Amino acid sequence: MRSQSHTLSWYPEFPGPEWLQVPNVPQETTSRQRPSPCGIPKPCPEGDFSCLITSGAANVVAPKICIEGKMVMGYVEKNVGYGINIAVVNGKTGEGMKTAFFNMYDGDIEPLVEFLKSIENGSIVLIATYDDPATKLNEEARKLIRELGSSAIQSLGFRDNWVFVGGKGADVASTLEKHIKNNKDKNKYDSWPEMIEWQGCLPRYLE
C-alpha cells in the first residue's frame, strides 16, 4: 500500500466518563439525515478504496472499520467485541469477505490462529483493538500477524491500542499501523490509552 497516501488523524477531544451519562433527549427527531457512521471519506485515486478504521476507546466505545463508506465492522453491525477485531477484504474488489472478533483476555487463542491461517492470498486485512488485545496472544498468533506485515504485534501488550492494515500476498505486503502503549502515567482514559483513528486510501491488489 502506498505509504504516501496514508495519513494518521485523530478524533476530536473524546469526552470523559461524564459524557457516558447521556442526558434525556426528546423522542422527536428532526428530518435531517443522520451523519454516516463512516464519516465523509477522503477522495481517493481512481481504483483505490477509501478506508476508515478506529480502535475502541477504553472498554466503552467499540471500534469500527469502513470500506468505501460502508460499515464492515462496528457496533451498528453487531459484529465487534472485546479483543482483536479483524475484517478481511477482497483486494481486487474491495468487498468484505469475512469478519470476526477474538476475546484476548479470557477467550481461546485457537480460533484466532485458525482464522489467520484461513486468510487467502490477495486479501487486505484490517485489525482494530478494543479493551485488551494481548493477554492470550501466543507466539504462533503473533507470527501469523507479523507475516501480514505488522511489526507492532511483537510488542502489543495488555490494554494497548492498535490499528493495522496489511495483507496477504507479495503485492499487498506494504502496511500501515499505529500502536499506543498502555501507560498509566500517559493514558487518556484511566487504564486505557487514547482512541486511534486512521482514514486513507487502499490500492487494489494486483496479481
C-alpha atoms as a PDB file:
ATOM      1  CA  MET A   1       0.000   0.000   0.000  1.00  0.00           C
ATOM      2  CA  ARG A   2       1.297   3.417  -0.919  1.00  0.00           C
ATOM      3  CA  SER A   3       2.563   4.989   2.262  1.00  0.00           C
ATOM      4  CA  GLN A   4       2.439   8.481   0.794  1.00  0.00           C
ATOM      5  CA  SER A   5      -1.359   8.368   0.735  1.00  0.00           C
ATOM      6  CA  HIS A   6      -1.561   7.332   4.373  1.00  0.00           C
ATOM      7  CA  THR A   7      -2.083   9.997   6.985  1.00  0.00           C
ATOM      8  CA  LEU A   8      -2.991   9.431  10.588  1.00  0.00           C
ATOM      9  CA  SER A   9      -5.672  11.680  12.001  1.00  0.00           C
ATOM     10  CA  TRP A  10      -7.160  11.856  15.467  1.00  0.00           C
ATOM     11  CA  TYR A  11     -10.669  12.147  16.788  1.00  0.00           C
ATOM     12  CA  PRO A  12     -11.626  15.481  18.359  1.00  0.00           C
ATOM     13  CA  GLU A  13     -11.303  15.523  22.106  1.00  0.00           C
ATOM     14  CA  PHE A  14     -13.093  12.459  23.471  1.00  0.00           C
ATOM     15  CA  PRO A  15     -15.326  13.332  26.413  1.00  0.00           C
ATOM     16  CA  GLY A  16     -14.558  11.840  29.791  1.00  0.00           C
ATOM     17  CA  PRO A  17     -16.687   9.465  31.830  1.00  0.00           C
ATOM     18  CA  GLU A  18     -19.300  12.149  32.464  1.00  0.00           C
ATOM     19  CA  TRP A  19     -20.124  12.004  28.761  1.00  0.00           C
ATOM     20  CA  LEU A  20     -21.371   8.490  29.294  1.00  0.00           C
ATOM     21  CA  GLN A  21     -24.242   9.852  31.405  1.00  0.00           C
ATOM     22  CA  VAL A  22     -26.331  10.663  28.361  1.00  0.00           C
ATOM     23  CA  PRO A  23     -28.895  13.391  29.084  1.00  0.00           C
ATOM     24  CA  ASN A  24     -32.560  12.939  28.277  1.00  0.00           C
ATOM     25  CA  VAL A  25     -33.150  13.523  24.584  1.00  0.00           C
ATOM     26  CA  PRO A  26     -36.600  14.270  23.127  1.00  0.00           C
ATOM     27  CA  GLN A  27     -38.036  11.341  21.202  1.00  0.00           C
ATOM     28  CA  GLU A  28     -38.946  13.651  18.355  1.00  0.00           C
ATOM     29  CA  THR A  29     -36.161  13.771  15.765  1.00  0.00           C
ATOM     30  CA  THR A  30     -35.559  16.267  13.031  1.00  0.00           C
ATOM     31  CA  SER A  31     -35.899  15.500   9.364  1.00  0.00           C
ATOM     32  CA  ARG A  32     -32.189  15.960   8.848  1.00  0.00           C
ATOM     33  CA  GLN A  33     -30.339  12.904   7.686  1.00  0.00           C
ATOM     34  CA  ARG A  34     -28.117  11.447  10.377  1.00  0.00           C
ATOM     35  CA  PRO A  35     -24.385  11.599   9.680  1.00  0.00           C
ATOM     36  CA  SER A  36     -22.922   8.439   8.205  1.00  0.00           C
ATOM     37  CA  PRO A  37     -21.223   6.305  10.878  1.00  0.00           C
ATOM     38  CA  CYS A  38     -18.316   6.054   8.454  1.00  0.00           C
ATOM     39  CA  GLY A  39     -17.870   9.807   8.168  1.00  0.00           C
ATOM     40  CA  ILE A  40     -17.054  11.616   4.971  1.00  0.00           C
ATOM     41  CA  PRO A  41     -14.393   9.638   3.094  1.00  0.00           C
ATOM     42  CA  LYS A  42     -11.424  11.487   1.719  1.00  0.00           C
ATOM     43  CA  PRO A  43     -11.226  11.418  -2.091  1.00  0.00           C
ATOM     44  CA  CYS A  44      -9.053   8.581  -3.358  1.00  0.00           C
ATOM     45  CA  PRO A  45      -7.342   7.993  -6.700  1.00  0.00           C
ATOM     46  CA  GLU A  46      -9.444   6.079  -9.195  1.00  0.00           C
ATOM     47  CA  GLY A  47      -9.262   2.391  -8.431  1.00  0.00           C
ATOM     48  CA  ASP A  48      -8.281   2.815  -4.778  1.00  0.00           C
ATOM     49  CA  PHE A  49     -10.581   2.031  -1.861  1.00  0.00           C
ATOM     50  CA  SER A  50     -11.417   4.616   0.782  1.00  0.00           C
ATOM     51  CA  CYS A  51     -10.979   3.306   4.307  1.00  0.00           C
ATOM     52  CA  LEU A  52     -11.731   4.419   7.845  1.00  0.00           C
ATOM     53  CA  ILE A  53     -10.604   2.413  10.849  1.00  0.00           C
ATOM     54  CA  THR A  54     -10.762   3.252  14.550  1.00  0.00           C
ATOM     55  CA  SER A  55      -9.724   1.385  17.648  1.00  0.00           C
ATOM     56  CA  GLY A  56     -12.005   1.137  20.632  1.00  0.00           C
ATOM     57  CA  ALA A  57     -11.990   3.775  23.369  1.00  0.00           C
ATOM     58  CA  ALA A  58     -11.370   2.236  26.798  1.00  0.00           C
ATOM     59  CA  ASN A  59     -13.927  -0.582  27.243  1.00  0.00           C
ATOM     60  CA  VAL A  60     -16.857   1.661  26.319  1.00  0.00           C
ATOM     61  CA  VAL A  61     -16.766   2.773  22.668  1.00  0.00           C
ATOM     62  CA  ALA A  62     -16.455  -0.042  20.124  1.00  0.00           C
ATOM     63  CA  PRO A  63     -14.066   0.044  17.164  1.00  0.00           C
ATOM     64  CA  LYS A  64     -15.211   0.332  13.570  1.00  0.00           C
ATOM     65  CA  ILE A  65     -13.927  -0.465  10.108  1.00  0.00           C
ATOM     66  CA  CYS A  66     -15.370   1.116   6.953  1.00  0.00           C
ATOM     67  CA  ILE A  67     -14.556   0.460   3.306  1.00  0.00           C
ATOM     68  CA  GLU A  68     -15.898   2.713   0.536  1.00  0.00           C
ATOM     69  CA  GLY A  69     -18.197   4.442   3.012  1.00  0.00           C
ATOM     70  CA  LYS A  70     -19.774   1.143   4.084  1.00  0.00           C
ATOM     71  CA  MET A  71     -19.549  -0.154   7.635  1.00  0.00           C
ATOM     72  CA  VAL A  72     -17.802  -3.540   7.571  1.00  0.00           C
ATOM     73  CA  MET A  73     -17.424  -3.870  11.328  1.00  0.00           C
ATOM     74  CA  GLY A  74     -18.931  -1.819  14.123  1.00  0.00           C
ATOM     75  CA  TYR A  75     -21.430  -1.528  16.936  1.00  0.00           C
ATOM     76  CA  VAL A  76     -24.235  -0.875  14.460  1.00  0.00           C
ATOM     77  CA  GLU A  77     -23.384  -4.070  12.606  1.00  0.00           C
ATOM     78  CA  LYS A  78     -23.238  -6.008  15.902  1.00  0.00           C
ATOM     79  CA  ASN A  79     -20.064  -7.798  14.821  1.00  0.00           C
ATOM     80  CA  VAL A  80     -17.388  -6.290  17.093  1.00  0.00           C
ATOM     81  CA  GLY A  81     -16.242  -7.289  20.550  1.00  0.00           C
ATOM     82  CA  TYR A  82     -13.517  -7.012  23.155  1.00  0.00           C
ATOM     83  CA  GLY A  83     -10.080  -8.089  21.995  1.00  0.00           C
ATOM     84  CA  ILE A  84      -8.918  -8.239  18.389  1.00  0.00           C
ATOM     85  CA  ASN A  85     -11.378  -7.344  15.613  1.00  0.00           C
ATOM     86  CA  ILE A  86     -10.461  -8.429  12.076  1.00  0.00           C
ATOM     87  CA  ALA A  87     -12.009  -7.663   8.694  1.00  0.00           C
ATOM     88  CA  VAL A  88     -10.762  -9.470   5.596  1.00  0.00           C
ATOM     89  CA  VAL A  89     -11.449  -7.638   2.332  1.00  0.00           C
ATOM     90  CA  ASN A  90     -11.102  -8.785  -1.273  1.00  0.00           C
ATOM     91  CA  GLY A  91      -8.049  -6.930  -2.529  1.00  0.00           C
ATOM     92  CA  LYS A  92      -9.395  -6.690  -6.069  1.00  0.00           C
ATOM     93  CA  THR A  93     -12.987  -5.605  -5.476  1.00  0.00           C
ATOM     94  CA  GLY A  94     -12.905  -4.041  -2.014  1.00  0.00           C
ATOM     95  CA  GLU A  95     -15.790  -6.232  -0.922  1.00  0.00           C
ATOM     96  CA  GLY A  96     -15.841  -7.602   2.608  1.00  0.00           C
ATOM     97  CA  MET A  97     -15.157 -11.323   2.728  1.00  0.00           C
ATOM     98  CA  LYS A  98     -15.334 -12.168   6.426  1.00  0.00           C
ATOM     99  CA  THR A  99     -15.129 -10.594   9.854  1.00  0.00           C
ATOM    100  CA  ALA A 100     -14.503 -11.896  13.345  1.00  0.00           C
ATOM    101  CA  PHE A 101     -13.507 -10.765  16.821  1.00  0.00           C
ATOM    102  CA  PHE A 102     -11.492 -12.677  19.385  1.00  0.00           C
ATOM    103  CA  ASN A 103     -11.531 -12.150  23.146  1.00  0.00           C
ATOM    104  CA  MET A 104      -7.889 -11.978  24.154  1.00  0.00           C
ATOM    105  CA  TYR A 105      -8.471 -11.620  27.890  1.00  0.00           C
ATOM    106  CA  ASP A 106     -10.357 -14.789  28.793  1.00  0.00           C
ATOM    107  CA  GLY A 107     -11.037 -16.351  25.384  1.00  0.00           C
ATOM    108  CA  ASP A 108      -9.363 -19.172  23.483  1.00  0.00           C
ATOM    109  CA  ILE A 109      -6.398 -18.418  21.214  1.00  0.00           C
ATOM    110  CA  GLU A 110      -7.013 -21.309  18.791  1.00  0.00           C
ATOM    111  CA  PRO A 111      -9.944 -19.704  16.903  1.00  0.00           C
ATOM    112  CA  LEU A 112      -7.768 -16.661  16.189  1.00  0.00           C
ATOM    113  CA  VAL A 113      -4.925 -18.853  14.943  1.00  0.00           C
ATOM    114  CA  GLU A 114      -7.252 -20.816  12.657  1.00  0.00           C
ATOM    115  CA  PHE A 115      -8.842 -17.631  11.330  1.00  0.00           C
ATOM    116  CA  LEU A 116      -5.440 -16.148  10.498  1.00  0.00           C
ATOM    117  CA  LYS A 117      -4.388 -19.338   8.738  1.00  0.00           C
ATOM    118  CA  SER A 118      -7.550 -19.264   6.598  1.00  0.00           C
ATOM    119  CA  ILE A 119      -6.874 -15.823   5.096  1.00  0.00           C
ATOM    120  CA  GLU A 120      -6.390 -16.148   1.329  1.00  0.00           C
ATOM    121  CA  ASN A 121      -3.666 -14.558  -0.777  1.00  0.00           C
ATOM    122  CA  GLY A 122      -4.739 -11.251  -2.267  1.00  0.00           C
ATOM    123  CA  SER A 123      -6.713 -10.241   0.813  1.00  0.00           C
ATOM    124  CA  ILE A 124      -6.496  -6.900   2.579  1.00  0.00           C
ATOM    125  CA  VAL A 125      -6.555  -7.412   6.354  1.00  0.00           C
ATOM    126  CA  LEU A 126      -7.725  -4.700   8.754  1.00  0.00           C
ATOM    127  CA  ILE A 127      -7.418  -5.041  12.527  1.00  0.00           C
ATOM    128  CA  ALA A 128      -8.719  -2.838  15.335  1.00  0.00           C
ATOM    129  CA  THR A 129      -8.355  -3.498  19.060  1.00  0.00           C
ATOM    130  CA  TYR A 130     -10.855  -2.997  21.870  1.00  0.00           C
ATOM    131  CA  ASP A 131     -10.081  -3.112  25.606  1.00  0.00           C
ATOM    132  CA  ASP A 132      -7.416  -5.843  25.925  1.00  0.00           C
ATOM    133  CA  PRO A 133      -5.892  -7.342  22.748  1.00  0.00           C
ATOM    134  CA  ALA A 134      -2.929  -9.230  24.114  1.00  0.00           C
ATOM    135  CA  THR A 135      -3.296 -11.330  27.273  1.00  0.00           C
ATOM    136  CA  LYS A 136      -3.937 -14.607  25.423  1.00  0.00           C
ATOM    137  CA  LEU A 137      -1.705 -13.897  22.419  1.00  0.00           C
ATOM    138  CA  ASN A 138       0.915 -16.587  21.883  1.00  0.00           C
ATOM    139  CA  GLU A 139       3.941 -16.713  19.605  1.00  0.00           C
ATOM    140  CA  GLU A 140       2.080 -18.576  16.847  1.00  0.00           C
ATOM    141  CA  ALA A 141      -0.621 -15.916  16.603  1.00  0.00           C
ATOM    142  CA  ARG A 142       1.933 -13.108  16.732  1.00  0.00           C
ATOM    143  CA  LYS A 143       3.936 -14.783  13.961  1.00  0.00           C
ATOM    144  CA  LEU A 144       0.886 -15.100  11.702  1.00  0.00           C
ATOM    145  CA  ILE A 145       0.027 -11.415  12.173  1.00  0.00           C
ATOM    146  CA  ARG A 146       3.655 -10.467  11.651  1.00  0.00           C
ATOM    147  CA  GLU A 147       3.511 -12.287   8.303  1.00  0.00           C
ATOM    148  CA  LEU A 148       0.652  -9.958   7.301  1.00  0.00           C
ATOM    149  CA  GLY A 149       3.094  -7.070   7.692  1.00  0.00           C
ATOM    150  CA  SER A 150       2.831  -5.956  11.309  1.00  0.00           C
ATOM    151  CA  SER A 151       5.851  -5.037  13.374  1.00  0.00           C
ATOM    152  CA  ALA A 152       3.930  -3.715  16.396  1.00  0.00           C
ATOM    153  CA  ILE A 153       2.402  -7.144  17.062  1.00  0.00           C
ATOM    154  CA  GLN A 154       5.623  -8.250  18.742  1.00  0.00           C
ATOM    155  CA  SER A 155       5.285  -5.634  21.488  1.00  0.00           C
ATOM    156  CA  LEU A 156       1.484  -5.477  21.691  1.00  0.00           C
ATOM    157  CA  GLY A 157       0.583  -5.705  25.359  1.00  0.00           C
ATOM    158  CA  PHE A 158      -2.249  -5.585  27.883  1.00  0.00           C
ATOM    159  CA  ARG A 159      -4.805  -2.870  27.033  1.00  0.00           C
ATOM    160  CA  ASP A 160      -2.647  -1.345  24.310  1.00  0.00           C
ATOM    161  CA  ASN A 161      -4.493   0.363  21.447  1.00  0.00           C
ATOM    162  CA  TRP A 162      -3.616  -0.685  17.895  1.00  0.00           C
ATOM    163  CA  VAL A 163      -4.954  -0.380  14.371  1.00  0.00           C
ATOM    164  CA  PHE A 164      -3.391  -2.214  11.458  1.00  0.00           C
ATOM    165  CA  VAL A 165      -3.888  -2.511   7.711  1.00  0.00           C
ATOM    166  CA  GLY A 166      -1.885  -5.144   5.884  1.00  0.00           C
ATOM    167  CA  GLY A 167      -2.448  -8.027   3.561  1.00  0.00           C
ATOM    168  CA  LYS A 168      -1.581 -11.491   2.443  1.00  0.00           C
ATOM    169  CA  GLY A 169       0.411 -11.826  -0.737  1.00  0.00           C
ATOM    170  CA  ALA A 170       3.518 -10.192  -2.167  1.00  0.00           C
ATOM    171  CA  ASP A 171       1.646  -7.308  -3.775  1.00  0.00           C
ATOM    172  CA  VAL A 172      -0.161  -6.296  -0.615  1.00  0.00           C
ATOM    173  CA  ALA A 173       2.840  -6.537   1.672  1.00  0.00           C
ATOM    174  CA  SER A 174       3.028  -2.798   2.408  1.00  0.00           C
ATOM    175  CA  THR A 175       1.315  -1.923   5.663  1.00  0.00           C
ATOM    176  CA  LEU A 176       0.349   0.844   7.991  1.00  0.00           C
ATOM    177  CA  GLU A 177      -0.261   0.656  11.704  1.00  0.00           C
ATOM    178  CA  LYS A 178      -0.498   2.811  14.794  1.00  0.00           C
ATOM    179  CA  HIS A 179       0.241   1.464  18.250  1.00  0.00           C
ATOM    180  CA  ILE A 180      -0.201   3.258  21.587  1.00  0.00           C
ATOM    181  CA  LYS A 181       1.102   1.529  24.694  1.00  0.00           C
ATOM    182  CA  ASN A 182      -0.946   1.283  27.871  1.00  0.00           C
ATOM    183  CA  ASN A 183       0.940   3.583  30.242  1.00  0.00           C
ATOM    184  CA  LYS A 184      -0.762   4.653  33.458  1.00  0.00           C
ATOM    185  CA  ASP A 185       1.267   7.863  33.504  1.00  0.00           C
ATOM    186  CA  LYS A 186       0.196   8.857  29.992  1.00  0.00           C
ATOM    187  CA  ASN A 187      -3.189   7.170  29.458  1.00  0.00           C
ATOM    188  CA  LYS A 188      -6.087   9.361  28.447  1.00  0.00           C
ATOM    189  CA  TYR A 189      -8.825   7.176  29.926  1.00  0.00           C
ATOM    190  CA  ASP A 190      -7.540   5.922  33.275  1.00  0.00           C
ATOM    191  CA  SER A 191      -6.450   2.364  32.454  1.00  0.00           C
ATOM    192  CA  TRP A 192      -6.566   2.757  28.666  1.00  0.00           C
ATOM    193  CA  PRO A 193      -4.684   4.880  26.120  1.00  0.00           C
ATOM    194  CA  GLU A 194      -6.458   7.187  23.696  1.00  0.00           C
ATOM    195  CA  MET A 195      -8.527   6.063  20.724  1.00  0.00           C
ATOM    196  CA  ILE A 196      -6.824   5.787  17.324  1.00  0.00           C
ATOM    197  CA  GLU A 197      -8.389   6.787  14.001  1.00  0.00           C
ATOM    198  CA  TRP A 198      -6.920   6.378  10.517  1.00  0.00           C
ATOM    199  CA  GLN A 199      -8.526   7.387   7.237  1.00  0.00           C
ATOM    200  CA  GLY A 200      -6.932   6.969   3.838  1.00  0.00           C
ATOM    201  CA  CYS A 201      -6.789   5.099   0.555  1.00  0.00           C
ATOM    202  CA  LEU A 202      -6.003   1.459  -0.112  1.00  0.00           C
ATOM    203  CA  PRO A 203      -4.749   0.464  -3.573  1.00  0.00           C
ATOM    204  CA  ARG A 204      -6.187  -2.592  -5.266  1.00  0.00           C
ATOM    205  CA  TYR A 205      -4.358  -5.874  -5.160  1.00  0.00           C
ATOM    206  CA  LEU A 206      -2.602  -6.535  -8.463  1.00  0.00           C
ATOM    207  CA  GLU A 207      -1.553 -10.037  -9.412  1.00  0.00           C
END
